Amino acid sequence: MKTKQWVLNGIIGALYAAITLPFAPLAFGAVQFRFAEMLNHLAVFNKKYAYGVTAGVILTNLILSPFGIYDWILGVGHTIVSFLVFFTLTRHIKSPVKKMVINALVFSVFSFMIALMLLLIGAEAVFWYTYLTVFLGQFATMMLGIPVILLLDKSVNFRKQMES
């Protein structure tokens, strides 16, 4: 990657952590709304944004997560697996909106990894209920993120930023 791409990804990672910080009580647990997850949609414009988002998840989980190493592994693993599946499923799709809806669904479906983590550490006792609540929080934040990211793209042009 070029220097500019590294810098952009560093900014995205820091932004992810900064967005999560004031809402930290809502960002962890069975009922969670991690608003920074909207940044996952940047990968629709260029795969390379996934590095910055993943770095942001790592940084956020290292600094803020009450679940320690479990969140460092399963939380970050959730992001990596979700991006890999998303990239595979959307290879031939051109519409950014369709890609964002698929992205929201993929990240939400794979939130079973977060539910499993909460079960393993004893923070929650019922897997399916926990999966449902984490799924719904993930889906809600990412669906809310679609118009936000599309609006930002009109002034920022995310594709151009990462390519130039």
C-alpha atoms as a PDB file:
ATOM      1  CA  MET A   1       0.000   0.000   0.000  1.00  0.00           C
ATOM      2  CA  LYS A   2       1.025   3.567  -0.607  1.00  0.00           C
ATOM      3  CA  THR A   3       1.813   5.981   2.215  1.00  0.00           C
ATOM      4  CA  LYS A   4      -1.485   7.847   1.717  1.00  0.00           C
ATOM      5  CA  GLN A   5      -3.422   4.565   2.065  1.00  0.00           C
ATOM      6  CA  TRP A   6      -1.613   3.776   5.320  1.00  0.00           C
ATOM      7  CA  VAL A   7      -2.348   7.256   6.647  1.00  0.00           C
ATOM      8  CA  LEU A   8      -6.032   7.018   5.644  1.00  0.00           C
ATOM      9  CA  ASN A   9      -6.321   3.653   7.365  1.00  0.00           C
ATOM     10  CA  GLY A  10      -4.647   5.052  10.474  1.00  0.00           C
ATOM     11  CA  ILE A  11      -7.201   7.858  10.499  1.00  0.00           C
ATOM     12  CA  ILE A  12     -10.065   5.375  10.023  1.00  0.00           C
ATOM     13  CA  GLY A  13      -8.734   3.234  12.901  1.00  0.00           C
ATOM     14  CA  ALA A  14      -8.450   6.246  15.194  1.00  0.00           C
ATOM     15  CA  LEU A  15     -11.877   7.486  14.112  1.00  0.00           C
ATOM     16  CA  TYR A  16     -13.396   4.076  14.903  1.00  0.00           C
ATOM     17  CA  ALA A  17     -12.002   4.248  18.440  1.00  0.00           C
ATOM     18  CA  ALA A  18     -12.987   7.909  18.855  1.00  0.00           C
ATOM     19  CA  ILE A  19     -16.590   7.220  17.781  1.00  0.00           C
ATOM     20  CA  THR A  20     -16.819   4.261  20.165  1.00  0.00           C
ATOM     21  CA  LEU A  21     -15.297   5.994  23.202  1.00  0.00           C
ATOM     22  CA  PRO A  22     -18.190   8.297  24.209  1.00  0.00           C
ATOM     23  CA  PHE A  23     -20.676   5.473  23.687  1.00  0.00           C
ATOM     24  CA  ALA A  24     -18.581   2.721  25.316  1.00  0.00           C
ATOM     25  CA  PRO A  25     -21.379   1.588  27.679  1.00  0.00           C
ATOM     26  CA  LEU A  26     -23.504   0.859  24.587  1.00  0.00           C
ATOM     27  CA  ALA A  27     -20.673  -0.737  22.599  1.00  0.00           C
ATOM     28  CA  PHE A  28     -20.118  -3.929  24.602  1.00  0.00           C
ATOM     29  CA  GLY A  29     -22.431  -6.647  25.873  1.00  0.00           C
ATOM     30  CA  ALA A  30     -25.511  -8.490  24.680  1.00  0.00           C
ATOM     31  CA  VAL A  31     -27.376  -5.313  23.757  1.00  0.00           C
ATOM     32  CA  GLN A  32     -24.880  -3.223  21.868  1.00  0.00           C
ATOM     33  CA  PHE A  33     -24.933  -0.315  19.514  1.00  0.00           C
ATOM     34  CA  ARG A  34     -21.388   0.287  18.355  1.00  0.00           C
ATOM     35  CA  PHE A  35     -21.925   3.255  16.101  1.00  0.00           C
ATOM     36  CA  ALA A  36     -18.415   3.010  14.648  1.00  0.00           C
ATOM     37  CA  GLU A  37     -19.553  -0.173  12.889  1.00  0.00           C
ATOM     38  CA  MET A  38     -21.006   2.160  10.262  1.00  0.00           C
ATOM     39  CA  LEU A  39     -17.415   2.522   9.062  1.00  0.00           C
ATOM     40  CA  ASN A  40     -17.551  -1.097   7.844  1.00  0.00           C
ATOM     41  CA  HIS A  41     -19.357   0.311   4.810  1.00  0.00           C
ATOM     42  CA  LEU A  42     -16.201   2.105   3.684  1.00  0.00           C
ATOM     43  CA  ALA A  43     -15.027  -1.263   2.338  1.00  0.00           C
ATOM     44  CA  VAL A  44     -17.802  -0.998  -0.262  1.00  0.00           C
ATOM     45  CA  PHE A  45     -15.783   1.771  -1.913  1.00  0.00           C
ATOM     46  CA  ASN A  46     -12.387   0.096  -1.583  1.00  0.00           C
ATOM     47  CA  LYS A  47     -11.286  -3.137   0.114  1.00  0.00           C
ATOM     48  CA  LYS A  48      -8.275  -1.376   1.581  1.00  0.00           C
ATOM     49  CA  TYR A  49     -10.508   0.465   4.080  1.00  0.00           C
ATOM     50  CA  ALA A  50     -10.950  -2.891   5.823  1.00  0.00           C
ATOM     51  CA  TYR A  51      -7.431  -2.512   7.219  1.00  0.00           C
ATOM     52  CA  GLY A  52      -8.306   0.744   8.962  1.00  0.00           C
ATOM     53  CA  VAL A  53     -11.611  -0.550  10.308  1.00  0.00           C
ATOM     54  CA  THR A  54      -9.924  -3.714  11.597  1.00  0.00           C
ATOM     55  CA  ALA A  55      -7.191  -1.609  13.218  1.00  0.00           C
ATOM     56  CA  GLY A  56      -9.926   0.451  14.845  1.00  0.00           C
ATOM     57  CA  VAL A  57     -11.592  -2.678  16.243  1.00  0.00           C
ATOM     58  CA  ILE A  58      -8.242  -3.877  17.606  1.00  0.00           C
ATOM     59  CA  LEU A  59      -7.492  -0.511  19.206  1.00  0.00           C
ATOM     60  CA  THR A  60     -11.007  -0.145  20.629  1.00  0.00           C
ATOM     61  CA  ASN A  61     -11.089  -3.659  22.053  1.00  0.00           C
ATOM     62  CA  LEU A  62      -7.607  -3.314  23.552  1.00  0.00           C
ATOM     63  CA  ILE A  63      -8.449  -0.032  25.271  1.00  0.00           C
ATOM     64  CA  LEU A  64     -12.142  -0.273  26.117  1.00  0.00           C
ATOM     65  CA  SER A  65     -13.360  -3.857  26.146  1.00  0.00           C
ATOM     66  CA  PRO A  66     -14.227  -5.283  29.550  1.00  0.00           C
ATOM     67  CA  PHE A  67     -13.827  -8.777  28.064  1.00  0.00           C
ATOM     68  CA  GLY A  68     -10.053  -8.716  27.521  1.00  0.00           C
ATOM     69  CA  ILE A  69      -8.387 -11.343  25.381  1.00  0.00           C
ATOM     70  CA  TYR A  70     -11.717 -12.912  24.412  1.00  0.00           C
ATOM     71  CA  ASP A  71     -12.782  -9.714  22.677  1.00  0.00           C
ATOM     72  CA  TRP A  72      -9.337  -9.242  21.221  1.00  0.00           C
ATOM     73  CA  ILE A  73      -9.650 -12.623  19.508  1.00  0.00           C
ATOM     74  CA  LEU A  74     -13.370 -13.120  18.829  1.00  0.00           C
ATOM     75  CA  GLY A  75     -14.266  -9.450  18.375  1.00  0.00           C
ATOM     76  CA  VAL A  76     -11.447  -8.844  15.913  1.00  0.00           C
ATOM     77  CA  GLY A  77     -12.068 -12.279  14.382  1.00  0.00           C
ATOM     78  CA  HIS A  78     -15.677 -11.266  13.769  1.00  0.00           C
ATOM     79  CA  THR A  79     -14.508  -8.257  11.781  1.00  0.00           C
ATOM     80  CA  ILE A  80     -11.973 -10.197   9.712  1.00  0.00           C
ATOM     81  CA  VAL A  81     -14.306 -13.114   8.927  1.00  0.00           C
ATOM     82  CA  SER A  82     -17.170 -10.760   8.090  1.00  0.00           C
ATOM     83  CA  PHE A  83     -15.033  -8.733   5.685  1.00  0.00           C
ATOM     84  CA  LEU A  84     -13.738 -11.876   3.955  1.00  0.00           C
ATOM     85  CA  VAL A  85     -17.262 -13.233   3.471  1.00  0.00           C
ATOM     86  CA  PHE A  86     -18.535  -9.818   2.356  1.00  0.00           C
ATOM     87  CA  PHE A  87     -15.786  -9.467  -0.268  1.00  0.00           C
ATOM     88  CA  THR A  88     -16.504 -12.961  -1.567  1.00  0.00           C
ATOM     89  CA  LEU A  89     -20.272 -12.433  -1.806  1.00  0.00           C
ATOM     90  CA  THR A  90     -20.100  -9.028  -3.482  1.00  0.00           C
ATOM     91  CA  ARG A  91     -17.378  -9.626  -6.061  1.00  0.00           C
ATOM     92  CA  HIS A  92     -19.770  -9.140  -8.985  1.00  0.00           C
ATOM     93  CA  ILE A  93     -22.195  -6.635  -7.482  1.00  0.00           C
ATOM     94  CA  LYS A  94     -21.844  -3.037  -8.666  1.00  0.00           C
ATOM     95  CA  SER A  95     -24.522  -1.187  -6.666  1.00  0.00           C
ATOM     96  CA  PRO A  96     -23.065   0.403  -3.510  1.00  0.00           C
ATOM     97  CA  VAL A  97     -26.458   0.265  -1.771  1.00  0.00           C
ATOM     98  CA  LYS A  98     -26.870  -3.472  -2.490  1.00  0.00           C
ATOM     99  CA  LYS A  99     -23.328  -4.048  -1.257  1.00  0.00           C
ATOM    100  CA  MET A 100     -24.057  -2.115   1.940  1.00  0.00           C
ATOM    101  CA  VAL A 101     -27.196  -4.131   2.650  1.00  0.00           C
ATOM    102  CA  ILE A 102     -25.246  -7.358   2.119  1.00  0.00           C
ATOM    103  CA  ASN A 103     -22.473  -5.966   4.330  1.00  0.00           C
ATOM    104  CA  ALA A 104     -24.985  -5.240   7.105  1.00  0.00           C
ATOM    105  CA  LEU A 105     -26.417  -8.742   6.817  1.00  0.00           C
ATOM    106  CA  VAL A 106     -23.005 -10.453   6.798  1.00  0.00           C
ATOM    107  CA  PHE A 107     -21.711  -8.560   9.833  1.00  0.00           C
ATOM    108  CA  SER A 108     -25.002  -9.216  11.631  1.00  0.00           C
ATOM    109  CA  VAL A 109     -25.095 -12.945  10.837  1.00  0.00           C
ATOM    110  CA  PHE A 110     -21.496 -13.390  11.960  1.00  0.00           C
ATOM    111  CA  SER A 111     -22.240 -11.612  15.222  1.00  0.00           C
ATOM    112  CA  PHE A 112     -22.809 -15.131  16.565  1.00  0.00           C
ATOM    113  CA  MET A 113     -19.075 -14.909  17.316  1.00  0.00           C
ATOM    114  CA  ILE A 114     -19.752 -12.058  19.751  1.00  0.00           C
ATOM    115  CA  ALA A 115     -22.672 -13.949  21.300  1.00  0.00           C
ATOM    116  CA  LEU A 116     -20.416 -16.990  21.709  1.00  0.00           C
ATOM    117  CA  MET A 117     -17.759 -14.846  23.386  1.00  0.00           C
ATOM    118  CA  LEU A 118     -20.325 -13.444  25.840  1.00  0.00           C
ATOM    119  CA  LEU A 119     -21.449 -16.980  26.617  1.00  0.00           C
ATOM    120  CA  LEU A 120     -17.875 -18.277  27.091  1.00  0.00           C
ATOM    121  CA  ILE A 121     -16.952 -15.571  29.573  1.00  0.00           C
ATOM    122  CA  GLY A 122     -20.185 -15.981  31.491  1.00  0.00           C
ATOM    123  CA  ALA A 123     -21.513 -12.499  30.744  1.00  0.00           C
ATOM    124  CA  GLU A 124     -24.637 -14.068  29.252  1.00  0.00           C
ATOM    125  CA  ALA A 125     -26.309 -17.438  29.791  1.00  0.00           C
ATOM    126  CA  VAL A 126     -28.597 -17.970  26.787  1.00  0.00           C
ATOM    127  CA  PHE A 127     -26.886 -18.144  23.392  1.00  0.00           C
ATOM    128  CA  TRP A 128     -29.885 -17.628  21.079  1.00  0.00           C
ATOM    129  CA  TYR A 129     -31.241 -14.635  22.980  1.00  0.00           C
ATOM    130  CA  THR A 130     -27.781 -13.073  23.101  1.00  0.00           C
ATOM    131  CA  TYR A 131     -27.245 -13.755  19.397  1.00  0.00           C
ATOM    132  CA  LEU A 132     -30.586 -12.123  18.599  1.00  0.00           C
ATOM    133  CA  THR A 133     -29.819  -8.973  20.578  1.00  0.00           C
ATOM    134  CA  VAL A 134     -26.281  -8.617  19.215  1.00  0.00           C
ATOM    135  CA  PHE A 135     -27.580  -9.326  15.687  1.00  0.00           C
ATOM    136  CA  LEU A 136     -30.274  -6.645  15.991  1.00  0.00           C
ATOM    137  CA  GLY A 137     -27.855  -4.042  17.373  1.00  0.00           C
ATOM    138  CA  GLN A 138     -25.331  -4.751  14.627  1.00  0.00           C
ATOM    139  CA  PHE A 139     -27.981  -4.694  11.919  1.00  0.00           C
ATOM    140  CA  ALA A 140     -29.543  -1.469  13.197  1.00  0.00           C
ATOM    141  CA  THR A 141     -26.260   0.443  13.373  1.00  0.00           C
ATOM    142  CA  MET A 142     -25.126  -0.738   9.963  1.00  0.00           C
ATOM    143  CA  MET A 143     -28.460  -0.004   8.305  1.00  0.00           C
ATOM    144  CA  LEU A 144     -28.418   3.475   9.866  1.00  0.00           C
ATOM    145  CA  GLY A 145     -24.901   3.786   8.497  1.00  0.00           C
ATOM    146  CA  ILE A 146     -25.969   3.343   4.875  1.00  0.00           C
ATOM    147  CA  PRO A 147     -27.426   6.839   4.381  1.00  0.00           C
ATOM    148  CA  VAL A 148     -24.716   8.360   6.597  1.00  0.00           C
ATOM    149  CA  ILE A 149     -21.843   6.865   4.588  1.00  0.00           C
ATOM    150  CA  LEU A 150     -23.553   7.590   1.250  1.00  0.00           C
ATOM    151  CA  LEU A 151     -24.033  11.224   2.277  1.00  0.00           C
ATOM    152  CA  LEU A 152     -20.412  11.517   3.403  1.00  0.00           C
ATOM    153  CA  ASP A 153     -19.253   9.917   0.149  1.00  0.00           C
ATOM    154  CA  LYS A 154     -20.859  12.737  -1.833  1.00  0.00           C
ATOM    155  CA  SER A 155     -18.430  15.223  -0.320  1.00  0.00           C
ATOM    156  CA  VAL A 156     -15.425  12.985   0.429  1.00  0.00           C
ATOM    157  CA  ASN A 157     -15.504  10.492  -2.495  1.00  0.00           C
ATOM    158  CA  PHE A 158     -14.125   7.507  -0.583  1.00  0.00           C
ATOM    159  CA  ARG A 159     -13.192   5.587  -3.726  1.00  0.00           C
ATOM    160  CA  LYS A 160     -11.053   8.432  -5.036  1.00  0.00           C
ATOM    161  CA  GLN A 161      -9.404   9.052  -1.658  1.00  0.00           C
ATOM    162  CA  MET A 162      -8.063   5.518  -1.394  1.00  0.00           C
ATOM    163  CA  GLU A 163      -7.102   5.219  -5.068  1.00  0.00           C
ATOM    164  CA  SER A 164      -5.155   8.443  -5.503  1.00  0.00           C
END
